[in-house]
Amino acid sequence: AFGLVAGSMGAATLINARVVRRFGMRTMSHGGVIAFTLVALVQVGVGVAYEGRPPLALFLALLALNQFLMSFAMPNFNALALEPLGAIAGTASSFLGFYTTILGAGCGFLIGAAFDGSTLPIGLGYAGLGLLALLVVAWTERGRTPTPAAGIVELARAGEADAVAICSSYARRTGRLIAMAAAFTLPDIVVVAGERAE
């Protein structure tokens, strides 16, 4: 049963990879954390209605939905956090992985310590952490509206300088990624990913 819950995360990752280009990372991550928090509040309501012991199928369905939504939020937030750190991407990624693991373990310990034989602690934990995440997003974004990738490409075509810089940066990164993948999968073929001189 819990394997199916994990399967929902895999499904969300595949769906996210297909739709993130259309809607953008900010839209996907913000929508994911908002929906996650709403489902967590429903989980709390269901827990209260069933005195902390809802039917297993209902509990697992809500848990799977929350994990599904978390898989929309987390990868996109990670990518947004690493976006301005291209020059030190390896170090930044290691640091991000380290502190999110420590933070997650600490939060998990507190929720686990509150276990009382019911499903309420996990529902309250999800809801509380979801609301906290929404506050952090509101503080860090400070009113920025998300721009879908297609909109950035259109702005670049129109000659808008920031959009051109973003598209050029992603083109270079994509070229490097293709060259690295080719180096691993086709070792007898040399792929050169050069950069245009400014």
N, C-alpha and C. Protein backbone atom coordinates (compact mmCIF):
# COMPACT_ATOMS: atom_id res chain seq x y z
N ALA A 1 0.82 -1.20 0.00
CA ALA A 1 0.00 0.00 0.00
C ALA A 1 0.87 1.26 0.00
N PHE A 2 1.92 1.25 0.84
CA PHE A 2 2.75 2.44 0.90
C PHE A 2 3.62 2.57 -0.36
N GLY A 3 3.84 1.44 -1.07
CA GLY A 3 4.53 1.51 -2.35
C GLY A 3 3.73 2.28 -3.38
N LEU A 4 2.39 2.16 -3.32
CA LEU A 4 1.53 2.92 -4.23
C LEU A 4 1.61 4.40 -3.94
N VAL A 5 1.76 4.75 -2.65
CA VAL A 5 1.93 6.16 -2.28
C VAL A 5 3.21 6.70 -2.91
N ALA A 6 4.29 5.93 -2.82
CA ALA A 6 5.54 6.35 -3.44
C ALA A 6 5.40 6.42 -4.96
N GLY A 7 4.61 5.52 -5.52
CA GLY A 7 4.36 5.54 -6.96
C GLY A 7 3.72 6.82 -7.42
N SER A 8 2.89 7.42 -6.56
CA SER A 8 2.25 8.69 -6.93
C SER A 8 3.30 9.79 -7.09
N MET A 9 4.37 9.71 -6.33
CA MET A 9 5.46 10.69 -6.47
C MET A 9 6.15 10.53 -7.81
N GLY A 10 6.38 9.28 -8.22
CA GLY A 10 6.99 9.04 -9.52
C GLY A 10 6.12 9.55 -10.66
N ALA A 11 4.80 9.31 -10.53
CA ALA A 11 3.87 9.79 -11.56
C ALA A 11 3.90 11.31 -11.64
N ALA A 12 3.94 11.96 -10.49
CA ALA A 12 3.97 13.43 -10.47
C ALA A 12 5.25 13.96 -11.11
N THR A 13 6.36 13.27 -10.89
CA THR A 13 7.63 13.70 -11.49
C THR A 13 7.55 13.64 -13.00
N LEU A 14 6.96 12.58 -13.55
CA LEU A 14 6.82 12.45 -14.99
C LEU A 14 5.88 13.52 -15.55
N ILE A 15 4.77 13.76 -14.86
CA ILE A 15 3.83 14.79 -15.32
C ILE A 15 4.48 16.17 -15.24
N ASN A 16 5.19 16.44 -14.15
CA ASN A 16 5.86 17.72 -13.98
C ASN A 16 6.82 17.99 -15.12
N ALA A 17 7.58 16.96 -15.52
CA ALA A 17 8.55 17.14 -16.60
C ALA A 17 7.87 17.53 -17.91
N ARG A 18 6.62 17.10 -18.09
CA ARG A 18 5.92 17.42 -19.33
C ARG A 18 5.25 18.80 -19.30
N VAL A 19 4.77 19.22 -18.14
CA VAL A 19 3.98 20.46 -18.11
C VAL A 19 4.75 21.69 -17.62
N VAL A 20 5.95 21.50 -17.04
CA VAL A 20 6.66 22.64 -16.47
C VAL A 20 7.07 23.64 -17.55
N ARG A 21 7.35 23.16 -18.75
CA ARG A 21 7.73 24.09 -19.82
C ARG A 21 6.57 24.98 -20.22
N ARG A 22 5.37 24.46 -20.09
CA ARG A 22 4.21 25.25 -20.48
C ARG A 22 3.84 26.30 -19.43
N PHE A 23 3.89 25.90 -18.16
CA PHE A 23 3.42 26.79 -17.10
C PHE A 23 4.53 27.50 -16.35
N GLY A 24 5.75 26.98 -16.39
CA GLY A 24 6.86 27.60 -15.67
C GLY A 24 7.04 27.00 -14.29
N MET A 25 8.29 27.11 -13.79
CA MET A 25 8.62 26.51 -12.49
C MET A 25 7.90 27.20 -11.34
N ARG A 26 7.78 28.52 -11.40
CA ARG A 26 7.12 29.22 -10.30
C ARG A 26 5.66 28.83 -10.18
N THR A 27 4.96 28.79 -11.30
CA THR A 27 3.55 28.40 -11.27
C THR A 27 3.39 26.99 -10.73
N MET A 28 4.24 26.07 -11.18
CA MET A 28 4.13 24.68 -10.74
C MET A 28 4.46 24.55 -9.25
N SER A 29 5.52 25.21 -8.81
CA SER A 29 5.92 25.07 -7.40
C SER A 29 4.91 25.76 -6.49
N HIS A 30 4.45 26.95 -6.87
CA HIS A 30 3.48 27.65 -6.03
C HIS A 30 2.16 26.88 -5.98
N GLY A 31 1.71 26.44 -7.15
CA GLY A 31 0.47 25.66 -7.18
C GLY A 31 0.59 24.38 -6.38
N GLY A 32 1.75 23.74 -6.47
CA GLY A 32 1.97 22.50 -5.72
C GLY A 32 1.90 22.70 -4.22
N VAL A 33 2.54 23.76 -3.73
CA VAL A 33 2.55 23.96 -2.27
C VAL A 33 1.19 24.44 -1.76
N ILE A 34 0.47 25.23 -2.57
CA ILE A 34 -0.88 25.65 -2.17
C ILE A 34 -1.81 24.44 -2.09
N ALA A 35 -1.80 23.62 -3.16
CA ALA A 35 -2.67 22.44 -3.17
C ALA A 35 -2.27 21.45 -2.07
N PHE A 36 -0.95 21.30 -1.84
CA PHE A 36 -0.47 20.43 -0.76
C PHE A 36 -1.06 20.86 0.58
N THR A 37 -1.02 22.16 0.84
CA THR A 37 -1.52 22.68 2.12
C THR A 37 -3.02 22.46 2.24
N LEU A 38 -3.75 22.69 1.15
CA LEU A 38 -5.21 22.48 1.19
C LEU A 38 -5.55 21.01 1.44
N VAL A 39 -4.84 20.11 0.77
CA VAL A 39 -5.10 18.68 1.00
C VAL A 39 -4.72 18.28 2.43
N ALA A 40 -3.67 18.88 2.96
CA ALA A 40 -3.28 18.60 4.35
C ALA A 40 -4.37 19.06 5.32
N LEU A 41 -4.98 20.21 5.04
CA LEU A 41 -6.08 20.68 5.89
C LEU A 41 -7.28 19.73 5.79
N VAL A 42 -7.54 19.20 4.59
CA VAL A 42 -8.60 18.19 4.44
C VAL A 42 -8.23 16.94 5.24
N GLN A 43 -6.95 16.58 5.20
CA GLN A 43 -6.48 15.41 5.96
C GLN A 43 -6.73 15.60 7.46
N VAL A 44 -6.49 16.82 7.94
CA VAL A 44 -6.76 17.11 9.36
C VAL A 44 -8.26 16.99 9.63
N GLY A 45 -9.08 17.56 8.74
CA GLY A 45 -10.53 17.47 8.91
C GLY A 45 -11.03 16.04 8.94
N VAL A 46 -10.50 15.22 8.04
CA VAL A 46 -10.88 13.80 8.00
C VAL A 46 -10.43 13.11 9.28
N GLY A 47 -9.23 13.44 9.74
CA GLY A 47 -8.74 12.85 10.98
C GLY A 47 -9.62 13.19 12.17
N VAL A 48 -10.04 14.44 12.24
CA VAL A 48 -10.93 14.86 13.34
C VAL A 48 -12.29 14.17 13.22
N ALA A 49 -12.82 14.10 11.98
CA ALA A 49 -14.14 13.48 11.78
C ALA A 49 -14.14 12.01 12.17
N TYR A 50 -13.04 11.32 11.95
CA TYR A 50 -12.95 9.89 12.29
C TYR A 50 -12.21 9.65 13.61
N GLU A 51 -12.09 10.70 14.42
CA GLU A 51 -11.42 10.62 15.72
C GLU A 51 -10.00 10.05 15.59
N GLY A 52 -9.31 10.48 14.55
CA GLY A 52 -7.91 10.10 14.36
C GLY A 52 -7.67 8.76 13.72
N ARG A 53 -8.76 8.05 13.37
CA ARG A 53 -8.60 6.72 12.77
C ARG A 53 -9.50 6.56 11.55
N PRO A 54 -9.17 7.28 10.45
CA PRO A 54 -9.98 7.15 9.24
C PRO A 54 -9.76 5.79 8.59
N PRO A 55 -10.64 5.39 7.67
CA PRO A 55 -10.42 4.14 6.93
C PRO A 55 -9.06 4.18 6.23
N LEU A 56 -8.39 3.03 6.19
CA LEU A 56 -7.04 2.98 5.62
C LEU A 56 -7.02 3.47 4.18
N ALA A 57 -8.02 3.08 3.38
CA ALA A 57 -8.04 3.48 1.97
C ALA A 57 -8.14 5.00 1.84
N LEU A 58 -8.94 5.63 2.66
CA LEU A 58 -9.09 7.09 2.62
C LEU A 58 -7.80 7.78 3.06
N PHE A 59 -7.21 7.28 4.14
CA PHE A 59 -5.95 7.85 4.61
C PHE A 59 -4.86 7.74 3.56
N LEU A 60 -4.74 6.55 2.94
CA LEU A 60 -3.70 6.35 1.92
C LEU A 60 -3.97 7.20 0.68
N ALA A 61 -5.24 7.39 0.31
CA ALA A 61 -5.56 8.23 -0.84
C ALA A 61 -5.13 9.68 -0.60
N LEU A 62 -5.41 10.20 0.59
CA LEU A 62 -5.00 11.57 0.92
C LEU A 62 -3.48 11.68 1.02
N LEU A 63 -2.85 10.66 1.59
CA LEU A 63 -1.39 10.65 1.71
C LEU A 63 -0.75 10.62 0.31
N ALA A 64 -1.29 9.78 -0.58
CA ALA A 64 -0.76 9.69 -1.94
C ALA A 64 -0.95 11.01 -2.68
N LEU A 65 -2.08 11.66 -2.48
CA LEU A 65 -2.32 12.94 -3.14
C LEU A 65 -1.34 14.00 -2.63
N ASN A 66 -1.09 13.99 -1.33
CA ASN A 66 -0.13 14.95 -0.78
C ASN A 66 1.28 14.69 -1.30
N GLN A 67 1.69 13.44 -1.39
CA GLN A 67 3.01 13.14 -1.92
C GLN A 67 3.09 13.51 -3.40
N PHE A 68 2.01 13.30 -4.13
CA PHE A 68 1.93 13.68 -5.53
C PHE A 68 2.16 15.19 -5.67
N LEU A 69 1.48 15.97 -4.86
CA LEU A 69 1.60 17.43 -4.93
C LEU A 69 2.98 17.91 -4.46
N MET A 70 3.54 17.22 -3.49
CA MET A 70 4.88 17.59 -3.02
C MET A 70 5.90 17.41 -4.14
N SER A 71 5.66 16.44 -5.02
CA SER A 71 6.57 16.20 -6.13
C SER A 71 6.43 17.24 -7.23
N PHE A 72 5.40 18.06 -7.18
CA PHE A 72 5.33 19.23 -8.05
C PHE A 72 6.12 20.39 -7.45
N ALA A 73 6.02 20.51 -6.14
CA ALA A 73 6.64 21.67 -5.47
C ALA A 73 8.16 21.53 -5.33
N MET A 74 8.63 20.42 -4.77
CA MET A 74 10.03 20.30 -4.40
C MET A 74 11.03 20.42 -5.56
N PRO A 75 10.88 19.67 -6.65
CA PRO A 75 11.88 19.78 -7.71
C PRO A 75 11.95 21.19 -8.31
N ASN A 76 10.80 21.82 -8.43
CA ASN A 76 10.77 23.17 -9.02
C ASN A 76 11.36 24.20 -8.07
N PHE A 77 11.08 24.08 -6.79
CA PHE A 77 11.70 24.99 -5.82
C PHE A 77 13.21 24.79 -5.79
N ASN A 78 13.66 23.54 -5.85
CA ASN A 78 15.10 23.28 -5.88
C ASN A 78 15.75 23.92 -7.10
N ALA A 79 15.11 23.76 -8.27
CA ALA A 79 15.66 24.35 -9.49
C ALA A 79 15.68 25.87 -9.41
N LEU A 80 14.64 26.47 -8.83
CA LEU A 80 14.61 27.93 -8.68
C LEU A 80 15.71 28.40 -7.73
N ALA A 81 15.94 27.62 -6.67
CA ALA A 81 16.98 28.00 -5.70
C ALA A 81 18.37 27.94 -6.32
N LEU A 82 18.59 26.97 -7.21
CA LEU A 82 19.91 26.79 -7.81
C LEU A 82 20.12 27.65 -9.05
N GLU A 83 19.04 28.21 -9.58
CA GLU A 83 19.13 28.96 -10.85
C GLU A 83 20.19 30.05 -10.85
N PRO A 84 20.29 30.89 -9.82
CA PRO A 84 21.30 31.95 -9.88
C PRO A 84 22.71 31.49 -9.50
N LEU A 85 22.89 30.21 -9.22
CA LEU A 85 24.17 29.72 -8.71
C LEU A 85 24.87 28.81 -9.71
N GLY A 86 24.72 29.09 -11.01
CA GLY A 86 25.28 28.22 -12.03
C GLY A 86 26.78 28.03 -11.92
N ALA A 87 27.50 29.06 -11.50
CA ALA A 87 28.96 28.97 -11.43
C ALA A 87 29.43 28.01 -10.34
N ILE A 88 28.61 27.81 -9.31
CA ILE A 88 28.98 26.90 -8.22
C ILE A 88 27.87 25.86 -8.02
N ALA A 89 27.32 25.38 -9.13
CA ALA A 89 26.15 24.51 -9.08
C ALA A 89 26.39 23.25 -8.24
N GLY A 90 27.57 22.64 -8.35
CA GLY A 90 27.83 21.42 -7.59
C GLY A 90 27.83 21.66 -6.09
N THR A 91 28.53 22.70 -5.67
CA THR A 91 28.58 23.04 -4.24
C THR A 91 27.21 23.44 -3.74
N ALA A 92 26.52 24.27 -4.53
CA ALA A 92 25.18 24.74 -4.12
C ALA A 92 24.21 23.57 -4.01
N SER A 93 24.26 22.63 -4.95
CA SER A 93 23.38 21.48 -4.92
C SER A 93 23.67 20.60 -3.70
N SER A 94 24.95 20.41 -3.38
CA SER A 94 25.32 19.63 -2.19
C SER A 94 24.80 20.29 -0.92
N PHE A 95 24.99 21.61 -0.83
CA PHE A 95 24.52 22.33 0.36
C PHE A 95 23.01 22.26 0.48
N LEU A 96 22.31 22.45 -0.65
CA LEU A 96 20.85 22.38 -0.64
C LEU A 96 20.37 21.00 -0.19
N GLY A 97 21.00 19.95 -0.73
CA GLY A 97 20.63 18.60 -0.33
C GLY A 97 20.90 18.34 1.14
N PHE A 98 22.03 18.87 1.64
CA PHE A 98 22.40 18.67 3.04
C PHE A 98 21.39 19.33 3.98
N TYR A 99 21.14 20.63 3.75
CA TYR A 99 20.29 21.30 4.75
C TYR A 99 18.82 20.93 4.62
N THR A 100 18.34 20.56 3.41
CA THR A 100 16.95 20.10 3.32
C THR A 100 16.79 18.73 3.98
N THR A 101 17.82 17.89 3.89
CA THR A 101 17.76 16.59 4.56
C THR A 101 17.76 16.76 6.08
N ILE A 102 18.62 17.64 6.59
CA ILE A 102 18.67 17.89 8.03
C ILE A 102 17.36 18.50 8.52
N LEU A 103 16.86 19.48 7.77
CA LEU A 103 15.61 20.14 8.15
C LEU A 103 14.45 19.14 8.10
N GLY A 104 14.39 18.33 7.04
CA GLY A 104 13.34 17.34 6.92
C GLY A 104 13.40 16.29 8.02
N ALA A 105 14.61 15.86 8.36
CA ALA A 105 14.76 14.88 9.44
C ALA A 105 14.30 15.47 10.77
N GLY A 106 14.63 16.73 11.02
CA GLY A 106 14.20 17.38 12.26
C GLY A 106 12.69 17.50 12.34
N CYS A 107 12.06 17.92 11.23
CA CYS A 107 10.59 18.05 11.21
C CYS A 107 9.95 16.67 11.35
N GLY A 108 10.51 15.67 10.66
CA GLY A 108 9.99 14.31 10.77
C GLY A 108 10.10 13.76 12.18
N PHE A 109 11.21 14.08 12.85
CA PHE A 109 11.38 13.63 14.24
C PHE A 109 10.30 14.22 15.14
N LEU A 110 10.02 15.52 14.97
CA LEU A 110 9.00 16.18 15.80
C LEU A 110 7.62 15.60 15.55
N ILE A 111 7.30 15.36 14.26
CA ILE A 111 5.99 14.78 13.94
C ILE A 111 5.91 13.35 14.47
N GLY A 112 6.99 12.59 14.30
CA GLY A 112 7.01 11.21 14.81
C GLY A 112 6.90 11.15 16.33
N ALA A 113 7.53 12.11 17.01
CA ALA A 113 7.47 12.15 18.47
C ALA A 113 6.06 12.47 18.96
N ALA A 114 5.27 13.15 18.11
CA ALA A 114 3.90 13.51 18.49
C ALA A 114 2.91 12.38 18.22
N PHE A 115 3.37 11.26 17.64
CA PHE A 115 2.45 10.17 17.30
C PHE A 115 1.73 9.67 18.54
N ASP A 116 0.42 9.59 18.41
CA ASP A 116 -0.41 9.16 19.55
C ASP A 116 -1.33 8.00 19.18
N GLY A 117 -0.98 7.29 18.11
CA GLY A 117 -1.82 6.18 17.68
C GLY A 117 -2.87 6.60 16.67
N SER A 118 -2.92 7.90 16.34
CA SER A 118 -3.90 8.39 15.36
C SER A 118 -3.16 9.00 14.16
N THR A 119 -3.94 9.39 13.16
CA THR A 119 -3.36 10.03 11.97
C THR A 119 -3.28 11.55 12.11
N LEU A 120 -3.75 12.08 13.21
CA LEU A 120 -3.76 13.55 13.37
C LEU A 120 -2.38 14.18 13.36
N PRO A 121 -1.37 13.61 14.02
CA PRO A 121 -0.07 14.28 14.00
C PRO A 121 0.50 14.49 12.60
N ILE A 122 0.36 13.50 11.72
CA ILE A 122 0.91 13.68 10.38
C ILE A 122 0.10 14.72 9.59
N GLY A 123 -1.22 14.71 9.77
CA GLY A 123 -2.05 15.72 9.11
C GLY A 123 -1.74 17.12 9.60
N LEU A 124 -1.63 17.27 10.92
CA LEU A 124 -1.30 18.58 11.49
C LEU A 124 0.11 19.01 11.09
N GLY A 125 1.03 18.03 11.05
CA GLY A 125 2.40 18.35 10.62
C GLY A 125 2.43 18.84 9.18
N TYR A 126 1.75 18.11 8.29
CA TYR A 126 1.70 18.52 6.89
C TYR A 126 1.06 19.91 6.75
N ALA A 127 -0.05 20.11 7.44
CA ALA A 127 -0.75 21.39 7.33
C ALA A 127 0.11 22.53 7.87
N GLY A 128 0.72 22.32 9.03
CA GLY A 128 1.55 23.37 9.62
C GLY A 128 2.76 23.69 8.77
N LEU A 129 3.43 22.66 8.29
CA LEU A 129 4.61 22.89 7.44
C LEU A 129 4.21 23.48 6.09
N GLY A 130 3.04 23.09 5.58
CA GLY A 130 2.56 23.68 4.33
C GLY A 130 2.27 25.17 4.48
N LEU A 131 1.63 25.53 5.58
CA LEU A 131 1.37 26.96 5.84
C LEU A 131 2.67 27.73 6.04
N LEU A 132 3.61 27.12 6.73
CA LEU A 132 4.93 27.76 6.90
C LEU A 132 5.61 27.95 5.55
N ALA A 133 5.52 26.93 4.68
CA ALA A 133 6.11 27.04 3.34
C ALA A 133 5.46 28.17 2.55
N LEU A 134 4.14 28.31 2.67
CA LEU A 134 3.45 29.40 1.97
C LEU A 134 3.93 30.77 2.46
N LEU A 135 4.14 30.89 3.77
CA LEU A 135 4.66 32.16 4.31
C LEU A 135 6.06 32.45 3.79
N VAL A 136 6.91 31.43 3.74
CA VAL A 136 8.27 31.61 3.23
C VAL A 136 8.24 32.00 1.76
N VAL A 137 7.37 31.35 0.98
CA VAL A 137 7.26 31.69 -0.45
C VAL A 137 6.77 33.13 -0.62
N ALA A 138 5.76 33.51 0.15
CA ALA A 138 5.25 34.89 0.04
C ALA A 138 6.33 35.90 0.41
N TRP A 139 7.14 35.58 1.41
CA TRP A 139 8.20 36.50 1.83
C TRP A 139 9.32 36.57 0.79
N THR A 140 9.73 35.42 0.26
CA THR A 140 10.85 35.42 -0.68
C THR A 140 10.46 35.95 -2.06
N GLU A 141 9.25 35.68 -2.50
CA GLU A 141 8.83 36.13 -3.83
C GLU A 141 8.44 37.60 -3.86
N ARG A 142 7.90 38.12 -2.75
CA ARG A 142 7.52 39.51 -2.62
C ARG A 142 6.73 40.04 -3.82
N GLY A 143 5.68 39.30 -4.20
CA GLY A 143 4.79 39.80 -5.24
C GLY A 143 5.22 39.53 -6.66
N ARG A 144 6.33 38.84 -6.89
CA ARG A 144 6.74 38.52 -8.27
C ARG A 144 5.71 37.59 -8.89
N THR A 145 5.33 37.88 -10.12
CA THR A 145 4.39 37.00 -10.80
C THR A 145 5.18 36.06 -11.70
N PRO A 146 4.76 34.80 -11.77
CA PRO A 146 5.49 33.84 -12.61
C PRO A 146 5.29 34.12 -14.09
N THR A 147 6.34 33.93 -14.87
CA THR A 147 6.27 34.05 -16.32
C THR A 147 6.56 32.68 -16.91
N PRO A 148 5.59 32.12 -17.66
CA PRO A 148 5.84 30.81 -18.29
C PRO A 148 7.01 30.87 -19.26
N ALA A 149 7.65 29.73 -19.47
CA ALA A 149 8.81 29.68 -20.35
C ALA A 149 8.47 30.18 -21.74
N ALA A 150 7.28 29.86 -22.24
CA ALA A 150 6.89 30.32 -23.58
C ALA A 150 6.85 31.85 -23.65
N GLY A 151 6.44 32.48 -22.54
CA GLY A 151 6.42 33.94 -22.50
C GLY A 151 7.81 34.53 -22.54
N ILE A 152 8.76 33.88 -21.89
CA ILE A 152 10.15 34.36 -21.90
C ILE A 152 10.73 34.24 -23.31
N VAL A 153 10.42 33.13 -23.99
CA VAL A 153 10.90 32.95 -25.36
C VAL A 153 10.34 34.04 -26.27
N GLU A 154 9.05 34.36 -26.11
CA GLU A 154 8.45 35.42 -26.93
C GLU A 154 9.10 36.77 -26.65
N LEU A 155 9.39 37.06 -25.39
CA LEU A 155 10.08 38.31 -25.05
C LEU A 155 11.47 38.34 -25.65
N ALA A 156 12.16 37.19 -25.66
CA ALA A 156 13.50 37.13 -26.25
C ALA A 156 13.43 37.38 -27.75
N ARG A 157 12.42 36.81 -28.40
CA ARG A 157 12.25 37.04 -29.84
C ARG A 157 12.00 38.52 -30.14
N ALA A 158 11.35 39.19 -29.20
CA ALA A 158 11.07 40.62 -29.38
C ALA A 158 12.29 41.48 -29.05
N GLY A 159 13.36 40.85 -28.52
CA GLY A 159 14.60 41.57 -28.26
C GLY A 159 14.74 42.09 -26.84
N GLU A 160 13.87 41.67 -25.91
CA GLU A 160 13.97 42.13 -24.52
C GLU A 160 15.25 41.55 -23.90
N ALA A 161 16.10 42.43 -23.38
CA ALA A 161 17.47 42.05 -22.98
C ALA A 161 17.51 40.96 -21.92
N ASP A 162 16.71 41.08 -20.85
CA ASP A 162 16.74 40.07 -19.78
C ASP A 162 16.29 38.71 -20.31
N ALA A 163 15.26 38.69 -21.15
CA ALA A 163 14.77 37.43 -21.70
C ALA A 163 15.82 36.80 -22.62
N VAL A 164 16.52 37.62 -23.41
CA VAL A 164 17.59 37.11 -24.27
C VAL A 164 18.69 36.48 -23.41
N ALA A 165 19.04 37.13 -22.30
CA ALA A 165 20.08 36.61 -21.41
C ALA A 165 19.65 35.27 -20.81
N ILE A 166 18.39 35.17 -20.40
CA ILE A 166 17.89 33.92 -19.82
C ILE A 166 17.94 32.80 -20.86
N CYS A 167 17.45 33.08 -22.07
CA CYS A 167 17.44 32.05 -23.12
C CYS A 167 18.86 31.63 -23.49
N SER A 168 19.78 32.60 -23.57
CA SER A 168 21.17 32.28 -23.89
C SER A 168 21.78 31.40 -22.80
N SER A 169 21.49 31.74 -21.55
CA SER A 169 22.02 30.95 -20.44
C SER A 169 21.50 29.52 -20.49
N TYR A 170 20.20 29.34 -20.73
CA TYR A 170 19.65 28.00 -20.80
C TYR A 170 20.17 27.24 -22.01
N ALA A 171 20.39 27.93 -23.13
CA ALA A 171 20.95 27.27 -24.31
C ALA A 171 22.35 26.74 -24.01
N ARG A 172 23.16 27.54 -23.31
CA ARG A 172 24.51 27.09 -22.95
C ARG A 172 24.45 25.89 -22.01
N ARG A 173 23.57 25.97 -21.02
CA ARG A 173 23.45 24.87 -20.06
C ARG A 173 22.97 23.60 -20.74
N THR A 174 22.01 23.76 -21.66
CA THR A 174 21.51 22.59 -22.39
C THR A 174 22.62 21.97 -23.23
N GLY A 175 23.42 22.81 -23.86
CA GLY A 175 24.55 22.31 -24.65
C GLY A 175 25.54 21.54 -23.79
N ARG A 176 25.83 22.06 -22.61
CA ARG A 176 26.74 21.36 -21.70
C ARG A 176 26.16 20.03 -21.25
N LEU A 177 24.85 20.03 -20.95
CA LEU A 177 24.18 18.81 -20.52
C LEU A 177 24.23 17.75 -21.62
N ILE A 178 23.97 18.15 -22.86
CA ILE A 178 24.03 17.21 -23.98
C ILE A 178 25.45 16.67 -24.14
N ALA A 179 26.43 17.55 -24.03
CA ALA A 179 27.82 17.11 -24.16
C ALA A 179 28.20 16.13 -23.06
N MET A 180 27.76 16.38 -21.81
CA MET A 180 28.07 15.47 -20.71
C MET A 180 27.39 14.12 -20.92
N ALA A 181 26.10 14.16 -21.33
CA ALA A 181 25.38 12.91 -21.56
C ALA A 181 26.04 12.11 -22.68
N ALA A 182 26.47 12.82 -23.73
CA ALA A 182 27.13 12.14 -24.85
C ALA A 182 28.46 11.54 -24.42
N ALA A 183 29.18 12.25 -23.56
CA ALA A 183 30.47 11.74 -23.09
C ALA A 183 30.32 10.43 -22.33
N PHE A 184 29.21 10.28 -21.61
CA PHE A 184 28.98 9.05 -20.85
C PHE A 184 28.42 7.93 -21.73
N THR A 185 27.51 8.30 -22.65
CA THR A 185 26.84 7.27 -23.43
C THR A 185 27.56 6.92 -24.73
N LEU A 186 28.34 7.87 -25.26
CA LEU A 186 29.06 7.65 -26.52
C LEU A 186 30.53 8.01 -26.33
N PRO A 187 31.29 7.23 -25.56
CA PRO A 187 32.65 7.64 -25.21
C PRO A 187 33.61 7.70 -26.40
N ASP A 188 33.27 7.02 -27.51
CA ASP A 188 34.18 7.05 -28.65
C ASP A 188 33.88 8.19 -29.62
N ILE A 189 32.90 9.03 -29.28
CA ILE A 189 32.58 10.21 -30.10
C ILE A 189 32.84 11.45 -29.26
N VAL A 190 33.54 12.42 -29.82
CA VAL A 190 33.85 13.65 -29.09
C VAL A 190 32.77 14.68 -29.39
N VAL A 191 32.15 15.20 -28.34
CA VAL A 191 31.16 16.26 -28.51
C VAL A 191 31.73 17.50 -27.87
N VAL A 192 31.79 18.59 -28.62
CA VAL A 192 32.33 19.83 -28.11
C VAL A 192 31.18 20.80 -27.89
N ALA A 193 31.08 21.33 -26.68
CA ALA A 193 30.05 22.33 -26.38
C ALA A 193 30.74 23.66 -26.19
N GLY A 194 30.87 24.39 -27.24
CA GLY A 194 31.57 25.68 -27.16
C GLY A 194 30.62 26.80 -26.84
N GLU A 195 31.18 27.95 -26.50
CA GLU A 195 30.38 29.13 -26.23
C GLU A 195 30.80 30.24 -27.18
N ARG A 196 29.80 30.98 -27.62
CA ARG A 196 30.06 32.07 -28.54
C ARG A 196 30.81 33.18 -27.84
N ALA A 197 31.78 33.74 -28.51
CA ALA A 197 32.53 34.88 -27.95
C ALA A 197 31.65 36.12 -27.99
N GLU A 198 31.60 36.86 -26.91
CA GLU A 198 30.78 38.08 -26.84
C GLU A 198 31.53 39.24 -27.45
